[in-house]
Amino acid sequence: MRVLVVNAGSSSLKLRLVGPDDTVERTADSLDGIRDWPAPDAVGHRVVHGGTRFTDPVVVDHDVRRALDELTALAPLHQPKSLDGLDAVSGQFPDVPAVACFDTAFHTTIPEAAATYAVPAHWRERYAIRRYGFHGLSHAWCSRQVAARTGARRIVTAHLGAGASLCAVLDGRSVDTTMGFTPLEGLVMATRSGSVDPGLVLWLEEHEGLSPHEVAETLEKRSGLLALAGTADLREIGPDSLAMAVYVHRIAAGIAAMAASTGGLEALAFTGGVGENSTVVRTMVAARLAFLGVAVAEGAEGEITAPGATVRTLVVPAREDLEIARGVRTALGRAS
């Protein structure tokens, strides 16, 4: 089955034609770029938010499309872009089945203790407030590769890019993650603050007169590495800087917390732009996790575990496109 994978981000559009043997046959970054492509057998769309309803890839029909639109309030920056991409590609290939693959779906297995916020029950019920988690397509792909290579049951995956999150995976299922109700919670990111004291937000609104919109815009777009170092590009940040220290501190502390959720750590995997390419970050994080048995020997390809280390550490290229193609084939197999 030839699958057209559509990955619509908040500011970009990536399209890949994935062949039956998972080879990428063509790539484009605009709809104009696919006008002369052969018609795919199916289209797979990355959709950021599936809420609590969508726990697996699903064939898009009128009812599903309406439900996805209703979830926009939970991901206002990303969901509209995903749906615009879905509508545009469906318009170009109206007779080709479209399948939605969700960044939240992998995390729907998180136990209630990890997913529940300690806020009033009527908030949780009325507004569907819970830890949803994101980057699920990346975490699912990465953890599956690690399990296949190592046989590990207790895995922590670190998706480090402009957005960043960790996931605790036990026996192939997500049991904890660092992002929550929104993709703002958790690690320090390129321009996002990650977790902050909610009292800080209230204080800024009450004492400084900042509007909710001003606070949200600042935490989303003018915080993180950009606020600490004056640049969102980790390659321009020195290893001895405060920005790097804060960044690494949050990652290492988060991995230790994820290891608690899996009941131990057998394998650690780095993926995403930073995770795959920054030797400095991997080395600094590993040094902070030596007490768990993590040590890396940089220079190795794929597996970077140092001799004598009890935790296997790997670098896994992010392939959300192949995870989406896999989800499409599974969904259409169920539907047939």
Protein backbone atom coordinates (compact mmCIF):
# COMPACT_ATOMS: atom_id res chain seq x y z
CA MET A 1 0.00 0.00 0.00
CA ARG A 2 1.35 3.41 -1.01
CA VAL A 3 0.56 5.99 1.69
CA LEU A 4 0.74 9.76 1.37
CA VAL A 5 1.76 11.06 4.79
CA VAL A 6 0.65 14.60 5.62
CA ASN A 7 2.32 16.28 8.58
CA ALA A 8 0.89 19.76 9.06
CA GLY A 9 2.68 21.66 11.84
CA SER A 10 1.84 25.06 13.26
CA SER A 11 4.03 26.75 10.62
CA SER A 12 5.01 24.03 8.12
CA LEU A 13 3.63 21.31 5.88
CA LYS A 14 5.57 18.14 5.12
CA LEU A 15 4.36 15.55 2.66
CA ARG A 16 5.93 12.15 1.99
CA LEU A 17 4.87 9.36 -0.31
CA VAL A 18 5.75 6.13 1.50
CA GLY A 19 5.90 2.96 -0.60
CA PRO A 20 4.74 -0.53 0.38
CA ASP A 21 8.24 -1.37 1.64
CA ASP A 22 8.42 1.85 3.73
CA THR A 23 10.77 3.58 1.30
CA VAL A 24 10.12 7.29 0.85
CA GLU A 25 9.39 7.70 -2.84
CA ARG A 26 8.78 11.44 -2.94
CA THR A 27 8.77 14.46 -0.63
CA ALA A 28 7.27 17.95 -0.83
CA ASP A 29 6.57 20.91 1.41
CA SER A 30 3.49 22.26 -0.35
CA LEU A 31 0.34 20.96 -1.94
CA ASP A 32 1.53 22.28 -5.30
CA GLY A 33 4.45 19.88 -5.02
CA ILE A 34 2.22 16.79 -5.18
CA ARG A 35 0.11 17.73 -8.19
CA ASP A 36 2.00 15.37 -10.51
CA TRP A 37 2.41 12.55 -7.98
CA PRO A 38 0.70 9.22 -8.58
CA ALA A 39 -2.48 8.81 -6.58
CA PRO A 40 -1.79 7.08 -3.25
CA ASP A 41 -3.79 4.16 -1.99
CA ALA A 42 -4.45 6.02 1.26
CA VAL A 43 -3.60 9.26 3.02
CA GLY A 44 -2.39 9.46 6.60
CA HIS A 45 -2.70 12.70 8.51
CA ARG A 46 -0.87 13.63 11.69
CA VAL A 47 -3.49 15.15 13.98
CA VAL A 48 -2.23 16.59 17.23
CA HIS A 49 -5.26 16.05 19.45
CA GLY A 50 -7.61 13.09 19.59
CA GLY A 51 -9.07 13.85 23.02
CA THR A 52 -10.30 10.84 24.98
CA ARG A 53 -12.35 9.44 22.10
CA PHE A 54 -9.65 8.60 19.56
CA THR A 55 -7.22 6.06 20.97
CA ASP A 56 -6.13 4.55 17.63
CA PRO A 57 -5.82 5.71 14.01
CA VAL A 58 -9.26 6.16 12.51
CA VAL A 59 -10.69 6.41 9.00
CA VAL A 60 -12.07 9.91 8.56
CA ASP A 61 -15.76 10.20 7.75
CA HIS A 62 -18.21 13.04 8.32
CA ASP A 63 -18.72 12.16 11.98
CA VAL A 64 -14.99 11.89 12.69
CA ARG A 65 -14.26 15.14 10.86
CA ARG A 66 -16.84 16.98 12.98
CA ALA A 67 -15.43 15.47 16.19
CA LEU A 68 -11.92 16.58 15.27
CA ASP A 69 -13.13 20.10 14.74
CA GLU A 70 -14.73 20.08 18.19
CA LEU A 71 -11.32 19.30 19.70
CA THR A 72 -9.78 22.50 18.33
CA ALA A 73 -10.20 24.29 21.66
CA LEU A 74 -7.75 21.83 23.24
CA ALA A 75 -5.04 22.51 20.63
CA PRO A 76 -5.82 25.87 19.00
CA LEU A 77 -2.34 26.33 17.49
CA HIS A 78 -2.08 22.91 15.87
CA GLN A 79 -5.48 21.34 15.29
CA PRO A 80 -6.69 23.86 12.67
CA LYS A 81 -3.53 23.32 10.61
CA SER A 82 -4.04 19.55 10.69
CA LEU A 83 -7.65 19.91 9.61
CA ASP A 84 -6.78 22.39 6.85
CA GLY A 85 -4.30 19.87 5.51
CA LEU A 86 -6.87 17.09 5.73
CA ASP A 87 -9.46 19.10 3.82
CA ALA A 88 -7.01 20.26 1.15
CA VAL A 89 -5.59 16.81 0.41
CA SER A 90 -9.04 15.21 0.51
CA GLY A 91 -10.10 17.78 -2.05
CA GLN A 92 -7.25 16.71 -4.31
CA PHE A 93 -7.81 12.97 -3.75
CA PRO A 94 -11.55 12.75 -2.97
CA ASP A 95 -11.79 9.00 -3.60
CA VAL A 96 -8.75 8.03 -1.52
CA PRO A 97 -9.43 7.02 2.10
CA ALA A 98 -8.02 9.41 4.71
CA VAL A 99 -6.85 8.20 8.10
CA ALA A 100 -6.21 10.43 11.12
CA CYS A 101 -3.25 9.41 13.32
CA PHE A 102 -3.06 11.14 16.68
CA ASP A 103 -0.17 12.50 18.73
CA THR A 104 -2.23 11.92 21.87
CA ALA A 105 -3.32 8.34 21.14
CA PHE A 106 -0.18 6.56 22.40
CA HIS A 107 -0.66 8.18 25.80
CA THR A 108 -4.26 7.07 26.35
CA THR A 109 -2.86 4.04 28.21
CA ILE A 110 -1.42 6.24 30.98
CA PRO A 111 -2.92 5.13 34.31
CA GLU A 112 -5.31 7.47 36.09
CA ALA A 113 -2.78 8.31 38.79
CA ALA A 114 -0.44 9.76 36.16
CA ALA A 115 -3.14 11.38 34.02
CA THR A 116 -5.22 13.08 36.72
CA TYR A 117 -4.70 16.65 37.91
CA ALA A 118 -5.61 17.46 41.52
CA VAL A 119 -8.31 19.97 40.59
CA PRO A 120 -12.05 19.90 41.33
CA ALA A 121 -13.93 16.99 39.80
CA HIS A 122 -16.40 19.25 37.99
CA TRP A 123 -13.47 20.91 36.19
CA ARG A 124 -12.08 17.55 35.13
CA GLU A 125 -15.47 16.35 33.94
CA ARG A 126 -16.83 19.51 32.32
CA TYR A 127 -13.63 20.58 30.56
CA ALA A 128 -12.04 17.13 30.01
CA ILE A 129 -9.01 18.22 32.01
CA ARG A 130 -6.34 15.53 32.23
CA ARG A 131 -2.79 14.85 31.10
CA TYR A 132 -3.10 14.03 27.41
CA GLY A 133 0.55 14.01 26.39
CA PHE A 134 1.86 14.71 22.90
CA HIS A 135 4.60 13.58 20.48
CA GLY A 136 2.93 10.18 20.76
CA LEU A 137 3.70 9.17 17.18
CA SER A 138 7.39 9.79 17.77
CA HIS A 139 7.44 8.07 21.16
CA ALA A 140 5.58 5.05 19.79
CA TRP A 141 7.99 4.63 16.87
CA CYS A 142 11.08 5.19 18.99
CA SER A 143 10.09 2.82 21.80
CA ARG A 144 9.15 0.09 19.35
CA GLN A 145 12.58 0.34 17.67
CA VAL A 146 14.31 0.18 21.05
CA ALA A 147 12.31 -2.84 22.20
CA ALA A 148 13.06 -4.67 18.95
CA ARG A 149 16.80 -4.01 19.23
CA THR A 150 17.28 -4.57 22.94
CA GLY A 151 14.36 -6.62 24.25
CA ALA A 152 13.95 -4.00 27.00
CA ARG A 153 10.61 -3.74 28.80
CA ARG A 154 11.29 -0.54 30.74
CA ILE A 155 12.14 2.24 28.32
CA VAL A 156 12.31 6.03 28.50
CA THR A 157 12.18 7.90 25.20
CA ALA A 158 13.40 11.49 24.96
CA HIS A 159 11.97 13.41 22.02
CA LEU A 160 14.14 16.54 21.98
CA GLY A 161 13.55 19.13 19.30
CA ALA A 162 11.98 22.59 19.17
CA GLY A 163 9.26 20.90 21.18
CA ALA A 164 10.44 18.36 23.72
CA SER A 165 8.92 15.66 25.88
CA LEU A 166 9.73 12.40 27.62
CA CYS A 167 7.72 9.21 27.75
CA ALA A 168 7.86 6.23 30.11
CA VAL A 169 7.11 3.02 28.21
CA LEU A 170 6.42 -0.26 29.99
CA ASP A 171 5.87 -3.37 27.88
CA GLY A 172 5.15 -1.23 24.83
CA ARG A 173 2.58 1.01 26.53
CA SER A 174 2.93 4.63 27.56
CA VAL A 175 2.58 4.90 31.35
CA ASP A 176 3.74 8.49 31.88
CA THR A 177 4.86 11.54 29.95
CA THR A 178 5.98 15.11 30.61
CA MET A 179 3.56 17.09 28.44
CA GLY A 180 0.10 17.43 29.90
CA PHE A 181 -3.20 19.14 29.15
CA THR A 182 -1.29 21.22 26.61
CA PRO A 183 2.14 20.88 24.93
CA LEU A 184 3.40 23.67 27.20
CA GLU A 185 3.92 21.49 30.26
CA GLY A 186 7.14 19.66 30.97
CA LEU A 187 10.65 20.24 29.66
CA VAL A 188 12.28 23.52 28.69
CA MET A 189 11.90 23.89 24.91
CA ALA A 190 13.14 26.22 22.19
CA THR A 191 10.62 29.01 22.85
CA ARG A 192 8.28 27.34 25.38
CA SER A 193 8.84 27.63 29.10
CA GLY A 194 7.88 24.12 30.06
CA SER A 195 6.42 23.70 33.54
CA VAL A 196 6.18 26.81 35.71
CA ASP A 197 4.49 27.45 39.03
CA PRO A 198 0.81 28.12 38.23
CA GLY A 199 0.96 30.73 40.98
CA LEU A 200 3.42 32.66 38.80
CA VAL A 201 0.81 32.93 36.05
CA LEU A 202 -1.80 34.16 38.53
CA TRP A 203 0.68 36.63 40.04
CA LEU A 204 1.56 38.11 36.64
CA GLU A 205 -2.09 38.57 35.79
CA GLU A 206 -3.05 40.02 39.15
CA HIS A 207 -0.03 42.14 40.10
CA GLU A 208 1.41 43.11 36.72
CA GLY A 209 -1.88 43.42 34.87
CA LEU A 210 -0.89 41.05 32.08
CA SER A 211 -3.77 39.57 30.14
CA PRO A 212 -4.14 35.80 29.78
CA HIS A 213 -3.27 36.23 26.10
CA GLU A 214 -0.05 38.12 26.93
CA VAL A 215 1.02 35.47 29.41
CA ALA A 216 0.20 32.64 27.01
CA GLU A 217 2.04 34.27 24.11
CA THR A 218 5.11 34.85 26.28
CA LEU A 219 5.21 31.33 27.71
CA GLU A 220 4.68 29.80 24.25
CA LYS A 221 6.82 32.01 22.02
CA ARG A 222 9.25 34.09 24.07
CA SER A 223 10.40 31.72 26.81
CA GLY A 224 12.48 28.54 26.95
CA LEU A 225 15.99 28.66 25.52
CA LEU A 226 15.17 31.90 23.75
CA ALA A 227 14.51 33.62 27.07
CA LEU A 228 17.53 32.08 28.79
CA ALA A 229 20.12 32.49 26.05
CA GLY A 230 18.73 34.97 23.55
CA THR A 231 18.48 32.25 20.91
CA ALA A 232 16.21 29.26 20.40
CA ASP A 233 18.95 27.41 18.50
CA LEU A 234 20.67 25.00 20.88
CA ARG A 235 23.69 24.83 18.56
CA GLU A 236 24.49 28.43 19.50
CA ILE A 237 24.36 27.80 23.26
CA GLY A 238 27.54 26.95 25.13
CA PRO A 239 27.78 23.88 27.37
CA ASP A 240 28.76 26.00 30.39
CA SER A 241 25.87 28.45 30.06
CA LEU A 242 22.96 28.79 32.46
CA ALA A 243 20.59 28.01 29.60
CA MET A 244 22.25 24.64 28.98
CA ALA A 245 22.35 23.88 32.71
CA VAL A 246 18.63 24.54 33.08
CA TYR A 247 17.82 22.58 29.91
CA VAL A 248 19.82 19.53 30.98
CA HIS A 249 18.58 19.70 34.58
CA ARG A 250 14.97 19.44 33.47
CA ILE A 251 15.68 16.58 31.07
CA ALA A 252 17.68 14.53 33.56
CA ALA A 253 15.17 15.08 36.37
CA GLY A 254 12.35 14.15 34.01
CA ILE A 255 14.04 10.94 32.89
CA ALA A 256 14.55 9.92 36.52
CA ALA A 257 10.85 10.56 37.15
CA MET A 258 9.88 8.53 34.08
CA ALA A 259 12.08 5.68 35.34
CA ALA A 260 10.10 5.71 38.57
CA SER A 261 6.91 5.25 36.53
CA THR A 262 8.31 2.21 34.72
CA GLY A 263 9.71 0.70 37.92
CA GLY A 264 13.28 0.88 36.67
CA LEU A 265 15.22 1.73 33.55
CA GLU A 266 16.55 -0.78 31.04
CA ALA A 267 16.90 1.44 27.97
CA LEU A 268 17.04 5.16 27.22
CA ALA A 269 16.55 6.52 23.72
CA PHE A 270 17.18 9.96 22.27
CA THR A 271 15.26 11.11 19.20
CA GLY A 272 14.27 14.38 17.50
CA GLY A 273 16.56 17.05 16.09
CA VAL A 274 18.42 17.74 19.33
CA GLY A 275 18.27 14.19 20.61
CA GLU A 276 19.78 12.81 17.43
CA ASN A 277 22.41 15.47 16.81
CA SER A 278 23.62 16.97 20.09
CA THR A 279 26.47 14.96 21.56
CA VAL A 280 26.80 17.64 24.24
CA VAL A 281 23.23 17.25 25.49
CA ARG A 282 23.36 13.46 25.48
CA THR A 283 26.68 13.42 27.36
CA MET A 284 25.57 15.96 29.95
CA VAL A 285 22.25 14.20 30.55
CA ALA A 286 23.95 10.81 30.86
CA ALA A 287 26.41 12.20 33.42
CA ARG A 288 23.49 13.34 35.58
CA LEU A 289 21.94 9.88 35.33
CA ALA A 290 25.01 7.84 36.23
CA PHE A 291 23.30 6.80 39.48
CA LEU A 292 20.72 4.94 37.36
CA GLY A 293 23.42 3.11 35.41
CA VAL A 294 23.47 5.39 32.36
CA ALA A 295 26.78 6.06 30.61
CA VAL A 296 27.41 6.84 26.95
CA ALA A 297 30.32 6.28 24.58
CA GLU A 298 29.84 8.95 21.96
CA GLY A 299 31.01 8.17 18.47
CA ALA A 300 29.10 4.91 18.26
CA GLU A 301 26.28 4.79 15.73
CA GLY A 302 22.80 3.76 16.85
CA GLU A 303 23.64 2.36 20.26
CA ILE A 304 25.90 4.62 22.34
CA THR A 305 26.04 2.60 25.56
CA ALA A 306 29.40 2.84 27.31
CA PRO A 307 31.14 -0.39 28.39
CA GLY A 308 29.94 -1.43 31.82
CA ALA A 309 26.76 0.63 31.77
CA THR A 310 23.67 -1.22 32.98
CA VAL A 311 21.22 0.90 30.96
CA ARG A 312 21.38 0.63 27.19
CA THR A 313 21.31 4.03 25.49
CA LEU A 314 20.40 4.51 21.84
CA VAL A 315 19.95 7.25 19.27
CA VAL A 316 16.88 6.57 17.14
CA PRO A 317 16.06 8.69 14.07
CA ALA A 318 12.57 10.14 14.33
CA ARG A 319 10.26 8.60 11.73
CA GLU A 320 6.76 9.81 12.42
CA ASP A 321 6.04 9.26 8.73
CA LEU A 322 6.55 5.51 9.05
CA GLU A 323 4.52 5.40 12.26
CA ILE A 324 1.68 7.17 10.46
CA ALA A 325 1.94 4.81 7.46
CA ARG A 326 1.80 1.88 9.88
CA GLY A 327 -1.29 3.36 11.54
CA VAL A 328 -2.99 3.86 8.19
CA ARG A 329 -2.47 0.23 7.20
CA THR A 330 -3.75 -0.95 10.58
CA ALA A 331 -6.86 1.26 10.43
CA LEU A 332 -7.76 0.22 6.90
CA GLY A 333 -7.19 -3.40 7.83
CA ARG A 334 -9.69 -3.03 10.66
CA ALA A 335 -12.16 -1.28 8.37
CA SER A 336 -12.03 -3.89 5.61
